[in-house]
Amino acid sequence: MLIKSVPSAEAPLDLLLEADPSLDAIRRYLESSICHVATVEEEIVGTYVIQPLDDDVHELMNIAVAPAHQRKGIGARLLDHAIATVREAGARRLELILPSIGGHWFKRSFGPRRPLG
């Protein structure tokens, strides 16, 4: 699996909509965010979007795995990559807000807290 940064214009909206039902909200936060995609044999199987809030804090705006590729550890690898990415940028904290729709899987998979350091 390869994880790479892509321009916001190339963000996989279909996958982002798996985790965030608002296309308008996705388009708004993509303008000031960094999008990464995970590919397997050139097929996009997952994505995440982080937004720098300031030098020390970034927010995980979205993380999603294609339904056919879920439960294979891709989400965990995306999260690890997101943490490494913000750490390399000098951030001390990665924040996320779990929506009432869909956020339950994240808590179940990763627990309520996962420190950066």
Protein backbone atom coordinates (compact mmCIF):
# COMPACT_ATOMS: atom_id res chain seq x y z
CA MET A 1 0.00 0.00 0.00
CA LEU A 2 1.25 3.46 -0.91
CA ILE A 3 0.10 6.60 0.95
CA LYS A 4 0.74 9.89 -0.78
CA SER A 5 -0.35 13.51 -0.71
CA VAL A 6 -2.66 14.68 -3.49
CA PRO A 7 -3.93 18.15 -4.45
CA SER A 8 -7.30 18.99 -2.92
CA ALA A 9 -8.80 19.07 -6.42
CA GLU A 10 -7.93 15.36 -6.71
CA ALA A 11 -9.39 14.37 -3.34
CA PRO A 12 -11.62 11.28 -3.63
CA LEU A 13 -14.96 12.86 -2.79
CA ASP A 14 -16.79 9.54 -2.93
CA LEU A 15 -14.61 8.19 -0.12
CA LEU A 16 -14.72 11.39 1.90
CA LEU A 17 -18.52 11.20 1.75
CA GLU A 18 -18.30 7.80 3.50
CA ALA A 19 -17.27 9.64 6.68
CA ASP A 20 -18.83 13.08 6.19
CA PRO A 21 -22.27 13.32 4.59
CA SER A 22 -21.91 17.02 3.69
CA LEU A 23 -20.31 17.65 0.29
CA ASP A 24 -20.41 21.39 0.99
CA ALA A 25 -18.49 20.94 4.26
CA ILE A 26 -15.93 18.70 2.56
CA ARG A 27 -15.33 21.24 -0.19
CA ARG A 28 -14.94 24.02 2.40
CA TYR A 29 -12.35 22.25 4.53
CA LEU A 30 -10.44 20.88 1.54
CA GLU A 31 -9.57 24.47 0.57
CA SER A 32 -7.24 24.83 3.55
CA SER A 33 -6.30 21.20 4.17
CA ILE A 34 -3.88 18.51 3.07
CA CYS A 35 -5.31 15.34 1.53
CA HIS A 36 -3.58 11.97 1.44
CA VAL A 37 -4.73 8.83 -0.35
CA ALA A 38 -3.85 5.18 0.15
CA THR A 39 -3.58 3.12 -3.00
CA VAL A 40 -3.28 -0.59 -3.70
CA GLU A 41 -2.32 -1.43 -7.26
CA GLU A 42 -3.27 2.15 -8.26
CA GLU A 43 -6.78 1.84 -6.77
CA ILE A 44 -7.60 4.43 -4.10
CA VAL A 45 -8.65 2.42 -1.04
CA GLY A 46 -8.50 5.07 1.68
CA THR A 47 -7.99 8.72 2.40
CA TYR A 48 -7.52 11.25 5.16
CA VAL A 49 -7.58 15.03 5.36
CA ILE A 50 -5.69 17.11 7.91
CA GLN A 51 -5.97 20.84 8.44
CA PRO A 52 -3.30 22.90 10.19
CA LEU A 53 -4.97 25.04 12.86
CA ASP A 54 -1.71 26.62 14.00
CA ASP A 55 1.95 25.59 14.26
CA ASP A 56 1.30 23.18 17.14
CA VAL A 57 -2.14 21.81 16.31
CA HIS A 58 -3.64 20.06 13.30
CA GLU A 59 -7.14 18.63 12.99
CA LEU A 60 -8.04 15.33 11.36
CA MET A 61 -10.99 16.48 9.27
CA ASN A 62 -11.83 13.16 7.64
CA ILE A 63 -10.54 9.60 7.43
CA ALA A 64 -12.23 6.94 5.33
CA VAL A 65 -11.61 3.51 3.86
CA ALA A 66 -13.49 2.12 0.87
CA PRO A 67 -16.13 -0.35 2.09
CA ALA A 68 -14.59 -3.25 0.13
CA HIS A 69 -11.27 -2.66 1.90
CA GLN A 70 -12.45 -2.14 5.48
CA ARG A 71 -11.33 -4.36 8.36
CA LYS A 72 -7.90 -4.88 6.80
CA GLY A 73 -5.91 -2.41 8.92
CA ILE A 74 -5.94 0.35 6.30
CA GLY A 75 -7.62 2.84 8.64
CA ALA A 76 -4.98 2.20 11.31
CA ARG A 77 -2.20 2.71 8.78
CA LEU A 78 -3.83 5.94 7.58
CA LEU A 79 -4.05 7.20 11.17
CA ASP A 80 -0.42 6.30 11.84
CA HIS A 81 0.57 8.13 8.65
CA ALA A 82 -1.48 11.19 9.68
CA ILE A 83 0.24 11.25 13.07
CA ALA A 84 3.67 10.97 11.45
CA THR A 85 2.78 13.70 8.96
CA VAL A 86 1.75 16.24 11.60
CA ARG A 87 4.69 15.26 13.79
CA GLU A 88 7.07 15.96 10.85
CA ALA A 89 5.36 19.33 10.40
CA GLY A 90 6.26 20.17 14.01
CA ALA A 91 2.78 19.87 15.46
CA ARG A 92 2.39 18.68 19.03
CA ARG A 93 -1.28 17.71 18.81
CA LEU A 94 -3.66 16.12 16.31
CA GLU A 95 -7.28 16.79 17.15
CA LEU A 96 -10.41 15.21 15.83
CA ILE A 97 -14.10 15.62 16.41
CA LEU A 98 -16.13 12.43 16.25
CA PRO A 99 -19.52 13.03 14.65
CA SER A 100 -22.54 11.31 16.08
CA ILE A 101 -22.92 9.59 12.70
CA GLY A 102 -20.03 7.24 11.96
CA GLY A 103 -17.74 8.24 14.82
CA HIS A 104 -18.57 5.14 16.85
CA TRP A 105 -16.34 2.91 14.67
CA PHE A 106 -13.32 5.08 15.43
CA LYS A 107 -13.78 4.88 19.18
CA ARG A 108 -14.27 1.12 18.97
CA SER A 109 -11.16 0.65 16.81
CA PHE A 110 -8.74 3.10 18.41
CA GLY A 111 -10.11 4.00 21.81
CA PRO A 112 -10.91 7.50 23.03
CA ARG A 113 -7.29 8.83 23.10
CA ARG A 114 -4.17 8.12 21.15
CA PRO A 115 -1.28 10.44 22.08
CA LEU A 116 1.03 11.93 19.46
CA GLY A 117 4.18 11.54 21.49
